[in-house]
PDB file of N, CA and C in Angstrom:
ATOM      1  N   MET A   1       0.820  -1.185   0.000  1.00  0.00           N
ATOM      2  CA  MET A   1       0.000   0.000   0.000  1.00  0.00           C
ATOM      3  C   MET A   1       0.866   1.252   0.000  1.00  0.00           C
ATOM      4  N   ALA A   2       2.027   1.150   0.581  1.00  0.00           N
ATOM      5  CA  ALA A   2       2.888   2.328   0.708  1.00  0.00           C
ATOM      6  C   ALA A   2       3.291   2.892  -0.645  1.00  0.00           C
ATOM      7  N   SER A   3       3.358   2.055  -1.672  1.00  0.00           N
ATOM      8  CA  SER A   3       3.783   2.553  -2.978  1.00  0.00           C
ATOM      9  C   SER A   3       2.628   2.724  -3.964  1.00  0.00           C
ATOM     10  N   SER A   4       1.392   2.548  -3.510  1.00  0.00           N
ATOM     11  CA  SER A   4       0.257   2.715  -4.428  1.00  0.00           C
ATOM     12  C   SER A   4       0.049   4.200  -4.732  1.00  0.00           C
ATOM     13  N   ALA A   5      -0.544   4.478  -5.884  1.00  0.00           N
ATOM     14  CA  ALA A   5      -0.819   5.864  -6.259  1.00  0.00           C
ATOM     15  C   ALA A   5      -1.871   6.476  -5.341  1.00  0.00           C
ATOM     16  N   ALA A   6      -2.808   5.655  -4.914  1.00  0.00           N
ATOM     17  CA  ALA A   6      -3.862   6.088  -3.988  1.00  0.00           C
ATOM     18  C   ALA A   6      -4.294   4.880  -3.167  1.00  0.00           C
ATOM     19  N   THR A   7      -4.718   5.137  -1.959  1.00  0.00           N
ATOM     20  CA  THR A   7      -5.198   4.050  -1.101  1.00  0.00           C
ATOM     21  C   THR A   7      -6.511   4.468  -0.458  1.00  0.00           C
ATOM     22  N   ILE A   8      -7.491   3.589  -0.549  1.00  0.00           N
ATOM     23  CA  ILE A   8      -8.775   3.791   0.123  1.00  0.00           C
ATOM     24  C   ILE A   8      -8.732   2.951   1.391  1.00  0.00           C
ATOM     25  N   VAL A   9      -9.064   3.560   2.524  1.00  0.00           N
ATOM     26  CA  VAL A   9      -9.071   2.852   3.800  1.00  0.00           C
ATOM     27  C   VAL A   9     -10.513   2.754   4.270  1.00  0.00           C
ATOM     28  N   LEU A  10     -10.969   1.542   4.542  1.00  0.00           N
ATOM     29  CA  LEU A  10     -12.332   1.326   5.016  1.00  0.00           C
ATOM     30  C   LEU A  10     -12.311   1.211   6.531  1.00  0.00           C
ATOM     31  N   VAL A  11     -13.000   2.155   7.182  1.00  0.00           N
ATOM     32  CA  VAL A  11     -13.015   2.263   8.639  1.00  0.00           C
ATOM     33  C   VAL A  11     -14.467   2.217   9.106  1.00  0.00           C
ATOM     34  N   LEU A  12     -14.706   1.528  10.219  1.00  0.00           N
ATOM     35  CA  LEU A  12     -16.058   1.485  10.757  1.00  0.00           C
ATOM     36  C   LEU A  12     -16.015   1.441  12.276  1.00  0.00           C
ATOM     37  N   PRO A  13     -17.110   1.856  12.919  1.00  0.00           N
ATOM     38  CA  PRO A  13     -17.157   1.804  14.381  1.00  0.00           C
ATOM     39  C   PRO A  13     -17.048   0.358  14.860  1.00  0.00           C
ATOM     40  N   GLU A  14     -16.431   0.166  16.029  1.00  0.00           N
ATOM     41  CA  GLU A  14     -16.406  -1.173  16.618  1.00  0.00           C
ATOM     42  C   GLU A  14     -17.853  -1.607  16.817  1.00  0.00           C
ATOM     43  N   PRO A  15     -18.217  -2.803  16.345  1.00  0.00           N
ATOM     44  CA  PRO A  15     -19.613  -3.245  16.451  1.00  0.00           C
ATOM     45  C   PRO A  15     -19.987  -3.580  17.890  1.00  0.00           C
ATOM     46  N   GLU A  16     -21.279  -3.474  18.167  1.00  0.00           N
ATOM     47  CA  GLU A  16     -21.746  -3.751  19.527  1.00  0.00           C
ATOM     48  C   GLU A  16     -21.924  -5.233  19.791  1.00  0.00           C
ATOM     49  N   SER A  17     -21.915  -6.063  18.730  1.00  0.00           N
ATOM     50  CA  SER A  17     -22.037  -7.510  18.925  1.00  0.00           C
ATOM     51  C   SER A  17     -21.394  -8.239  17.742  1.00  0.00           C
ATOM     52  N   GLU A  18     -21.166  -9.525  17.916  1.00  0.00           N
ATOM     53  CA  GLU A  18     -20.575 -10.348  16.854  1.00  0.00           C
ATOM     54  C   GLU A  18     -21.493 -10.387  15.628  1.00  0.00           C
ATOM     55  N   ARG A  19     -22.794 -10.366  15.860  1.00  0.00           N
ATOM     56  CA  ARG A  19     -23.751 -10.357  14.742  1.00  0.00           C
ATOM     57  C   ARG A  19     -23.498  -9.158  13.827  1.00  0.00           C
ATOM     58  N   TYR A  20     -23.314  -7.989  14.416  1.00  0.00           N
ATOM     59  CA  TYR A  20     -23.074  -6.791  13.610  1.00  0.00           C
ATOM     60  C   TYR A  20     -21.701  -6.835  12.951  1.00  0.00           C
ATOM     61  N   ARG A  21     -20.728  -7.445  13.611  1.00  0.00           N
ATOM     62  CA  ARG A  21     -19.401  -7.570  13.012  1.00  0.00           C
ATOM     63  C   ARG A  21     -19.497  -8.390  11.716  1.00  0.00           C
ATOM     64  N   LEU A  22     -20.255  -9.490  11.746  1.00  0.00           N
ATOM     65  CA  LEU A  22     -20.410 -10.327  10.555  1.00  0.00           C
ATOM     66  C   LEU A  22     -21.112  -9.563   9.434  1.00  0.00           C
ATOM     67  N   MET A  23     -22.137  -8.809   9.778  1.00  0.00           N
ATOM     68  CA  MET A  23     -22.839  -8.017   8.760  1.00  0.00           C
ATOM     69  C   MET A  23     -21.915  -6.944   8.186  1.00  0.00           C
ATOM     70  N   ASP A  24     -21.137  -6.309   9.050  1.00  0.00           N
ATOM     71  CA  ASP A  24     -20.191  -5.288   8.592  1.00  0.00           C
ATOM     72  C   ASP A  24     -19.167  -5.888   7.638  1.00  0.00           C
ATOM     73  N   GLU A  25     -18.631  -7.059   7.984  1.00  0.00           N
ATOM     74  CA  GLU A  25     -17.632  -7.709   7.133  1.00  0.00           C
ATOM     75  C   GLU A  25     -18.214  -8.014   5.752  1.00  0.00           C
ATOM     76  N   TYR A  26     -19.431  -8.497   5.718  1.00  0.00           N
ATOM     77  CA  TYR A  26     -20.086  -8.786   4.438  1.00  0.00           C
ATOM     78  C   TYR A  26     -20.258  -7.502   3.621  1.00  0.00           C
ATOM     79  N   ASP A  27     -20.772  -6.469   4.254  1.00  0.00           N
ATOM     80  CA  ASP A  27     -21.003  -5.203   3.558  1.00  0.00           C
ATOM     81  C   ASP A  27     -19.694  -4.604   3.039  1.00  0.00           C
ATOM     82  N   LEU A  28     -18.662  -4.650   3.864  1.00  0.00           N
ATOM     83  CA  LEU A  28     -17.372  -4.109   3.420  1.00  0.00           C
ATOM     84  C   LEU A  28     -16.776  -4.939   2.290  1.00  0.00           C
ATOM     85  N   GLY A  29     -16.990  -6.246   2.320  1.00  0.00           N
ATOM     86  CA  GLY A  29     -16.520  -7.091   1.220  1.00  0.00           C
ATOM     87  C   GLY A  29     -17.200  -6.718  -0.088  1.00  0.00           C
ATOM     88  N   GLN A  30     -18.509  -6.480  -0.013  1.00  0.00           N
ATOM     89  CA  GLN A  30     -19.249  -6.067  -1.211  1.00  0.00           C
ATOM     90  C   GLN A  30     -18.760  -4.709  -1.715  1.00  0.00           C
ATOM     91  N   ALA A  31     -18.564  -3.776  -0.799  1.00  0.00           N
ATOM     92  CA  ALA A  31     -18.083  -2.445  -1.191  1.00  0.00           C
ATOM     93  C   ALA A  31     -16.692  -2.534  -1.810  1.00  0.00           C
ATOM     94  N   THR A  32     -15.827  -3.348  -1.213  1.00  0.00           N
ATOM     95  CA  THR A  32     -14.473  -3.529  -1.742  1.00  0.00           C
ATOM     96  C   THR A  32     -14.525  -4.091  -3.154  1.00  0.00           C
ATOM     97  N   MET A  33     -15.338  -5.117  -3.357  1.00  0.00           N
ATOM     98  CA  MET A  33     -15.455  -5.730  -4.680  1.00  0.00           C
ATOM     99  C   MET A  33     -15.920  -4.704  -5.716  1.00  0.00           C
ATOM    100  N   LEU A  34     -16.924  -3.916  -5.363  1.00  0.00           N
ATOM    101  CA  LEU A  34     -17.445  -2.946  -6.325  1.00  0.00           C
ATOM    102  C   LEU A  34     -16.437  -1.841  -6.630  1.00  0.00           C
ATOM    103  N   MET A  35     -15.678  -1.417  -5.626  1.00  0.00           N
ATOM    104  CA  MET A  35     -14.643  -0.405  -5.881  1.00  0.00           C
ATOM    105  C   MET A  35     -13.560  -0.962  -6.806  1.00  0.00           C
ATOM    106  N   LEU A  36     -13.165  -2.216  -6.586  1.00  0.00           N
ATOM    107  CA  LEU A  36     -12.141  -2.829  -7.441  1.00  0.00           C
ATOM    108  C   LEU A  36     -12.662  -3.041  -8.864  1.00  0.00           C
ATOM    109  N   LEU A  37     -13.924  -3.455  -9.000  1.00  0.00           N
ATOM    110  CA  LEU A  37     -14.504  -3.618 -10.340  1.00  0.00           C
ATOM    111  C   LEU A  37     -14.602  -2.277 -11.066  1.00  0.00           C
ATOM    112  N   THR A  38     -15.002  -1.247 -10.351  1.00  0.00           N
ATOM    113  CA  THR A  38     -15.096   0.085 -10.952  1.00  0.00           C
ATOM    114  C   THR A  38     -13.722   0.586 -11.371  1.00  0.00           C
ATOM    115  N   ALA A  39     -12.728   0.385 -10.519  1.00  0.00           N
ATOM    116  CA  ALA A  39     -11.358   0.790 -10.864  1.00  0.00           C
ATOM    117  C   ALA A  39     -10.900   0.063 -12.125  1.00  0.00           C
ATOM    118  N   THR A  40     -11.149  -1.234 -12.183  1.00  0.00           N
ATOM    119  CA  THR A  40     -10.760  -2.018 -13.357  1.00  0.00           C
ATOM    120  C   THR A  40     -11.439  -1.487 -14.604  1.00  0.00           C
ATOM    121  N   ASP A  41     -12.721  -1.145 -14.489  1.00  0.00           N
ATOM    122  CA  ASP A  41     -13.465  -0.598 -15.623  1.00  0.00           C
ATOM    123  C   ASP A  41     -12.845   0.711 -16.117  1.00  0.00           C
ATOM    124  N   LEU A  42     -12.182   1.433 -15.213  1.00  0.00           N
ATOM    125  CA  LEU A  42     -11.514   2.688 -15.582  1.00  0.00           C
ATOM    126  C   LEU A  42     -10.054   2.480 -15.993  1.00  0.00           C
ATOM    127  N   GLY A  43      -9.617   1.217 -16.038  1.00  0.00           N
ATOM    128  CA  GLY A  43      -8.250   0.917 -16.436  1.00  0.00           C
ATOM    129  C   GLY A  43      -7.252   0.999 -15.296  1.00  0.00           C
ATOM    130  N   ILE A  44      -7.750   1.072 -14.087  1.00  0.00           N
ATOM    131  CA  ILE A  44      -6.893   1.209 -12.905  1.00  0.00           C
ATOM    132  C   ILE A  44      -6.754  -0.143 -12.221  1.00  0.00           C
ATOM    133  N   GLY A  45      -5.530  -0.511 -11.869  1.00  0.00           N
ATOM    134  CA  GLY A  45      -5.293  -1.748 -11.146  1.00  0.00           C
ATOM    135  C   GLY A  45      -5.525  -1.546  -9.667  1.00  0.00           C
ATOM    136  N   GLY A  46      -5.818  -2.619  -8.965  1.00  0.00           N
ATOM    137  CA  GLY A  46      -6.049  -2.497  -7.533  1.00  0.00           C
ATOM    138  C   GLY A  46      -5.863  -3.817  -6.821  1.00  0.00           C
ATOM    139  N   GLY A  47      -5.692  -3.725  -5.524  1.00  0.00           N
ATOM    140  CA  GLY A  47      -5.598  -4.894  -4.668  1.00  0.00           C
ATOM    141  C   GLY A  47      -6.032  -4.521  -3.277  1.00  0.00           C
ATOM    142  N   HIS A  48      -6.552  -5.494  -2.546  1.00  0.00           N
ATOM    143  CA  HIS A  48      -7.047  -5.202  -1.200  1.00  0.00           C
ATOM    144  C   HIS A  48      -6.265  -5.975  -0.157  1.00  0.00           C
ATOM    145  N   SER A  49      -6.330  -5.477   1.058  1.00  0.00           N
ATOM    146  CA  SER A  49      -5.636  -6.106   2.169  1.00  0.00           C
ATOM    147  C   SER A  49      -6.410  -5.886   3.456  1.00  0.00           C
ATOM    148  N   ALA A  50      -6.462  -6.921   4.287  1.00  0.00           N
ATOM    149  CA  ALA A  50      -7.011  -6.764   5.632  1.00  0.00           C
ATOM    150  C   ALA A  50      -5.951  -6.080   6.493  1.00  0.00           C
ATOM    151  N   VAL A  51      -6.363  -5.530   7.604  1.00  0.00           N
ATOM    152  CA  VAL A  51      -5.443  -4.835   8.504  1.00  0.00           C
ATOM    153  C   VAL A  51      -5.344  -5.644   9.787  1.00  0.00           C
ATOM    154  N   GLY A  52      -4.149  -6.127  10.088  1.00  0.00           N
ATOM    155  CA  GLY A  52      -3.954  -6.947  11.272  1.00  0.00           C
ATOM    156  C   GLY A  52      -3.606  -6.153  12.512  1.00  0.00           C
ATOM    157  N   ASP A  53      -2.684  -5.228  12.420  1.00  0.00           N
ATOM    158  CA  ASP A  53      -2.217  -4.461  13.578  1.00  0.00           C
ATOM    159  C   ASP A  53      -3.053  -3.199  13.721  1.00  0.00           C
ATOM    160  N   GLN A  54      -4.142  -3.302  14.459  1.00  0.00           N
ATOM    161  CA  GLN A  54      -5.077  -2.190  14.609  1.00  0.00           C
ATOM    162  C   GLN A  54      -4.444  -0.983  15.293  1.00  0.00           C
ATOM    163  N   GLU A  55      -3.647  -1.218  16.297  1.00  0.00           N
ATOM    164  CA  GLU A  55      -3.037  -0.092  17.012  1.00  0.00           C
ATOM    165  C   GLU A  55      -2.134   0.718  16.086  1.00  0.00           C
ATOM    166  N   ALA A  56      -1.322   0.036  15.280  1.00  0.00           N
ATOM    167  CA  ALA A  56      -0.439   0.746  14.342  1.00  0.00           C
ATOM    168  C   ALA A  56      -1.267   1.484  13.291  1.00  0.00           C
ATOM    169  N   ALA A  57      -2.290   0.831  12.762  1.00  0.00           N
ATOM    170  CA  ALA A  57      -3.128   1.466  11.738  1.00  0.00           C
ATOM    171  C   ALA A  57      -3.826   2.699  12.302  1.00  0.00           C
ATOM    172  N   ARG A  58      -4.370   2.582  13.504  1.00  0.00           N
ATOM    173  CA  ARG A  58      -5.042   3.728  14.114  1.00  0.00           C
ATOM    174  C   ARG A  58      -4.063   4.885  14.337  1.00  0.00           C
ATOM    175  N   ARG A  59      -2.876   4.549  14.808  1.00  0.00           N
ATOM    176  CA  ARG A  59      -1.873   5.590  15.082  1.00  0.00           C
ATOM    177  C   ARG A  59      -1.441   6.280  13.781  1.00  0.00           C
ATOM    178  N   ILE A  60      -1.133   5.516  12.751  1.00  0.00           N
ATOM    179  CA  ILE A  60      -0.660   6.077  11.477  1.00  0.00           C
ATOM    180  C   ILE A  60      -1.745   6.910  10.806  1.00  0.00           C
ATOM    181  N   LEU A  61      -2.982   6.428  10.851  1.00  0.00           N
ATOM    182  CA  LEU A  61      -4.082   7.095  10.139  1.00  0.00           C
ATOM    183  C   LEU A  61      -4.871   8.075  11.001  1.00  0.00           C
ATOM    184  N   GLY A  62      -4.602   8.103  12.296  1.00  0.00           N
ATOM    185  CA  GLY A  62      -5.339   9.012  13.176  1.00  0.00           C
ATOM    186  C   GLY A  62      -6.764   8.572  13.439  1.00  0.00           C
ATOM    187  N   VAL A  63      -7.004   7.274  13.444  1.00  0.00           N
ATOM    188  CA  VAL A  63      -8.349   6.736  13.661  1.00  0.00           C
ATOM    189  C   VAL A  63      -8.559   6.545  15.164  1.00  0.00           C
ATOM    190  N   PRO A  64      -9.698   6.976  15.703  1.00  0.00           N
ATOM    191  CA  PRO A  64      -9.937   6.821  17.144  1.00  0.00           C
ATOM    192  C   PRO A  64     -10.083   5.351  17.543  1.00  0.00           C
ATOM    193  N   ALA A  65      -9.847   5.068  18.805  1.00  0.00           N
ATOM    194  CA  ALA A  65      -9.916   3.698  19.326  1.00  0.00           C
ATOM    195  C   ALA A  65     -11.325   3.116  19.248  1.00  0.00           C
ATOM    196  N   THR A  66     -12.321   3.938  19.050  1.00  0.00           N
ATOM    197  CA  THR A  66     -13.709   3.473  18.948  1.00  0.00           C
ATOM    198  C   THR A  66     -14.021   2.887  17.572  1.00  0.00           C
ATOM    199  N   HIS A  67     -13.049   2.971  16.654  1.00  0.00           N
ATOM    200  CA  HIS A  67     -13.247   2.493  15.288  1.00  0.00           C
ATOM    201  C   HIS A  67     -12.201   1.460  14.913  1.00  0.00           C
ATOM    202  N   ARG A  68     -12.521   0.688  13.875  1.00  0.00           N
ATOM    203  CA  ARG A  68     -11.637  -0.364  13.401  1.00  0.00           C
ATOM    204  C   ARG A  68     -11.256  -0.089  11.949  1.00  0.00           C
ATOM    205  N   VAL A  69      -9.986  -0.225  11.650  1.00  0.00           N
ATOM    206  CA  VAL A  69      -9.497  -0.112  10.274  1.00  0.00           C
ATOM    207  C   VAL A  69      -9.612  -1.513   9.676  1.00  0.00           C
ATOM    208  N   ALA A  70     -10.610  -1.715   8.834  1.00  0.00           N
ATOM    209  CA  ALA A  70     -10.917  -3.067   8.356  1.00  0.00           C
ATOM    210  C   ALA A  70     -10.065  -3.472   7.156  1.00  0.00           C
ATOM    211  N   TYR A  71     -10.087  -2.676   6.109  1.00  0.00           N
ATOM    212  CA  TYR A  71      -9.400  -3.037   4.869  1.00  0.00           C
ATOM    213  C   TYR A  71      -8.745  -1.811   4.258  1.00  0.00           C
ATOM    214  N   MET A  72      -7.799  -2.084   3.382  1.00  0.00           N
ATOM    215  CA  MET A  72      -7.194  -1.027   2.577  1.00  0.00           C
ATOM    216  C   MET A  72      -7.207  -1.498   1.128  1.00  0.00           C
ATOM    217  N   ILE A  73      -7.461  -0.570   0.224  1.00  0.00           N
ATOM    218  CA  ILE A  73      -7.482  -0.866  -1.207  1.00  0.00           C
ATOM    219  C   ILE A  73      -6.434   0.024  -1.868  1.00  0.00           C
ATOM    220  N   GLY A  74      -5.399  -0.595  -2.398  1.00  0.00           N
ATOM    221  CA  GLY A  74      -4.361   0.144  -3.111  1.00  0.00           C
ATOM    222  C   GLY A  74      -4.731   0.241  -4.583  1.00  0.00           C
ATOM    223  N   LEU A  75      -4.559   1.430  -5.167  1.00  0.00           N
ATOM    224  CA  LEU A  75      -4.929   1.677  -6.560  1.00  0.00           C
ATOM    225  C   LEU A  75      -3.773   2.302  -7.323  1.00  0.00           C
ATOM    226  N   GLY A  76      -3.727   2.022  -8.608  1.00  0.00           N
ATOM    227  CA  GLY A  76      -2.726   2.645  -9.462  1.00  0.00           C
ATOM    228  C   GLY A  76      -2.744   2.025 -10.844  1.00  0.00           C
ATOM    229  N   TYR A  77      -2.040   2.668 -11.763  1.00  0.00           N
ATOM    230  CA  TYR A  77      -1.935   2.135 -13.115  1.00  0.00           C
ATOM    231  C   TYR A  77      -0.782   1.147 -13.175  1.00  0.00           C
ATOM    232  N   PRO A  78      -0.981  -0.012 -13.801  1.00  0.00           N
ATOM    233  CA  PRO A  78       0.106  -0.975 -13.961  1.00  0.00           C
ATOM    234  C   PRO A  78       1.264  -0.369 -14.761  1.00  0.00           C
ATOM    235  N   ASP A  79       2.474  -0.872 -14.540  1.00  0.00           N
ATOM    236  CA  ASP A  79       3.658  -0.358 -15.234  1.00  0.00           C
ATOM    237  C   ASP A  79       3.532  -0.416 -16.754  1.00  0.00           C
ATOM    238  N   ASP A  80       2.818  -1.431 -17.252  1.00  0.00           N
ATOM    239  CA  ASP A  80       2.701  -1.571 -18.707  1.00  0.00           C
ATOM    240  C   ASP A  80       1.477  -0.857 -19.278  1.00  0.00           C
ATOM    241  N   GLY A  81       0.895   0.086 -18.540  1.00  0.00           N
ATOM    242  CA  GLY A  81      -0.224   0.890 -19.033  1.00  0.00           C
ATOM    243  C   GLY A  81      -1.538   0.506 -18.390  1.00  0.00           C
ATOM    244  N   PRO A  82      -2.584   1.274 -18.673  1.00  0.00           N
ATOM    245  CA  PRO A  82      -3.897   0.999 -18.085  1.00  0.00           C
ATOM    246  C   PRO A  82      -4.394  -0.404 -18.430  1.00  0.00           C
ATOM    247  N   LEU A  83      -5.205  -0.953 -17.545  1.00  0.00           N
ATOM    248  CA  LEU A  83      -5.820  -2.251 -17.822  1.00  0.00           C
ATOM    249  C   LEU A  83      -6.712  -2.140 -19.041  1.00  0.00           C
ATOM    250  N   ARG A  84      -6.802  -3.226 -19.786  1.00  0.00           N
ATOM    251  CA  ARG A  84      -7.644  -3.276 -20.978  1.00  0.00           C
ATOM    252  C   ARG A  84      -8.633  -4.433 -20.846  1.00  0.00           C
ATOM    253  N   PRO A  85      -9.789  -4.318 -21.474  1.00  0.00           N
ATOM    254  CA  PRO A  85     -10.753  -5.431 -21.419  1.00  0.00           C
ATOM    255  C   PRO A  85     -10.150  -6.699 -22.014  1.00  0.00           C
ATOM    256  N   VAL A  86     -10.557  -7.839 -21.476  1.00  0.00           N
ATOM    257  CA  VAL A  86     -10.129  -9.119 -22.023  1.00  0.00           C
ATOM    258  C   VAL A  86     -10.798  -9.271 -23.383  1.00  0.00           C
ATOM    259  N   GLU A  87     -10.004  -9.533 -24.401  1.00  0.00           N
ATOM    260  CA  GLU A  87     -10.562  -9.628 -25.755  1.00  0.00           C
ATOM    261  C   GLU A  87     -11.196 -10.985 -26.026  1.00  0.00           C
ATOM    262  N   ARG A  88     -10.636 -12.017 -25.475  1.00  0.00           N
ATOM    263  CA  ARG A  88     -11.176 -13.360 -25.719  1.00  0.00           C
ATOM    264  C   ARG A  88     -11.251 -14.088 -24.382  1.00  0.00           C
ATOM    265  N   LEU A  89     -12.470 -14.290 -23.914  1.00  0.00           N
ATOM    266  CA  LEU A  89     -12.657 -14.999 -22.657  1.00  0.00           C
ATOM    267  C   LEU A  89     -12.448 -16.492 -22.866  1.00  0.00           C
ATOM    268  N   ASP A  90     -11.689 -17.097 -21.994  1.00  0.00           N
ATOM    269  CA  ASP A  90     -11.439 -18.533 -22.057  1.00  0.00           C
ATOM    270  C   ASP A  90     -12.149 -19.172 -20.873  1.00  0.00           C
ATOM    271  N   ARG A  91     -13.451 -19.364 -21.033  1.00  0.00           N
ATOM    272  CA  ARG A  91     -14.259 -19.870 -19.928  1.00  0.00           C
ATOM    273  C   ARG A  91     -14.955 -21.167 -20.306  1.00  0.00           C
ATOM    274  N   ARG A  92     -15.287 -21.935 -19.282  1.00  0.00           N
ATOM    275  CA  ARG A  92     -16.067 -23.143 -19.504  1.00  0.00           C
ATOM    276  C   ARG A  92     -17.489 -22.753 -19.890  1.00  0.00           C
ATOM    277  N   PRO A  93     -18.185 -23.622 -20.613  1.00  0.00           N
ATOM    278  CA  PRO A  93     -19.574 -23.316 -20.977  1.00  0.00           C
ATOM    279  C   PRO A  93     -20.447 -23.115 -19.740  1.00  0.00           C
ATOM    280  N   TYR A  94     -21.409 -22.237 -19.867  1.00  0.00           N
ATOM    281  CA  TYR A  94     -22.317 -21.862 -18.785  1.00  0.00           C
ATOM    282  C   TYR A  94     -22.937 -23.090 -18.121  1.00  0.00           C
ATOM    283  N   ASP A  95     -23.421 -24.038 -18.936  1.00  0.00           N
ATOM    284  CA  ASP A  95     -24.095 -25.220 -18.399  1.00  0.00           C
ATOM    285  C   ASP A  95     -23.170 -26.138 -17.611  1.00  0.00           C
ATOM    286  N   GLU A  96     -21.876 -25.986 -17.751  1.00  0.00           N
ATOM    287  CA  GLU A  96     -20.938 -26.794 -16.961  1.00  0.00           C
ATOM    288  C   GLU A  96     -20.740 -26.243 -15.554  1.00  0.00           C
ATOM    289  N   VAL A  97     -21.034 -24.975 -15.343  1.00  0.00           N
ATOM    290  CA  VAL A  97     -20.774 -24.371 -14.038  1.00  0.00           C
ATOM    291  C   VAL A  97     -22.032 -23.929 -13.306  1.00  0.00           C
ATOM    292  N   VAL A  98     -23.166 -23.863 -13.981  1.00  0.00           N
ATOM    293  CA  VAL A  98     -24.424 -23.476 -13.350  1.00  0.00           C
ATOM    294  C   VAL A  98     -25.373 -24.677 -13.387  1.00  0.00           C
ATOM    295  N   HIS A  99     -25.909 -25.011 -12.206  1.00  0.00           N
ATOM    296  CA  HIS A  99     -26.816 -26.147 -12.090  1.00  0.00           C
ATOM    297  C   HIS A  99     -28.132 -25.666 -11.495  1.00  0.00           C
ATOM    298  N   ARG A 100     -29.226 -26.158 -12.037  1.00  0.00           N
ATOM    299  CA  ARG A 100     -30.543 -25.763 -11.516  1.00  0.00           C
ATOM    300  C   ARG A 100     -31.300 -27.014 -11.070  1.00  0.00           C
ATOM    301  N   GLY A 101     -31.681 -27.025  -9.807  1.00  0.00           N
ATOM    302  CA  GLY A 101     -32.483 -28.124  -9.294  1.00  0.00           C
ATOM    303  C   GLY A 101     -31.746 -29.438  -9.110  1.00  0.00           C
ATOM    304  N   ARG A 102     -30.483 -29.497  -9.469  1.00  0.00           N
ATOM    305  CA  ARG A 102     -29.666 -30.705  -9.320  1.00  0.00           C
ATOM    306  C   ARG A 102     -28.212 -30.312  -9.447  1.00  0.00           C
ATOM    307  N   TRP A 103     -27.354 -31.231  -9.098  1.00  0.00           N
ATOM    308  CA  TRP A 103     -25.919 -30.977  -9.245  1.00  0.00           C
ATOM    309  C   TRP A 103     -25.482 -31.374 -10.619  1.00  0.00           C
TER     310      TRP A 103
END
């Protein structure tokens, strides 16, 4: 993250229960995915990381102890230029990976 062109830090209040922590994790995962997909659509590369050392993250970023630094998303253009759409998808047929009513 230190060498990324930009970094998005996802911060949230410490949850009041484990139930809310699980919901927060799901919501942040969805938000992270959408930010990375949007960046890719704009030709920007990205990667995400969980934050393990909360005390260091709070100190470096100035986040109060009442909040948790959950994830960081590093963004930037790849060395070989902006990302480009895949021209030829090499995927298995739809019916091989999607099953309805049976395996």
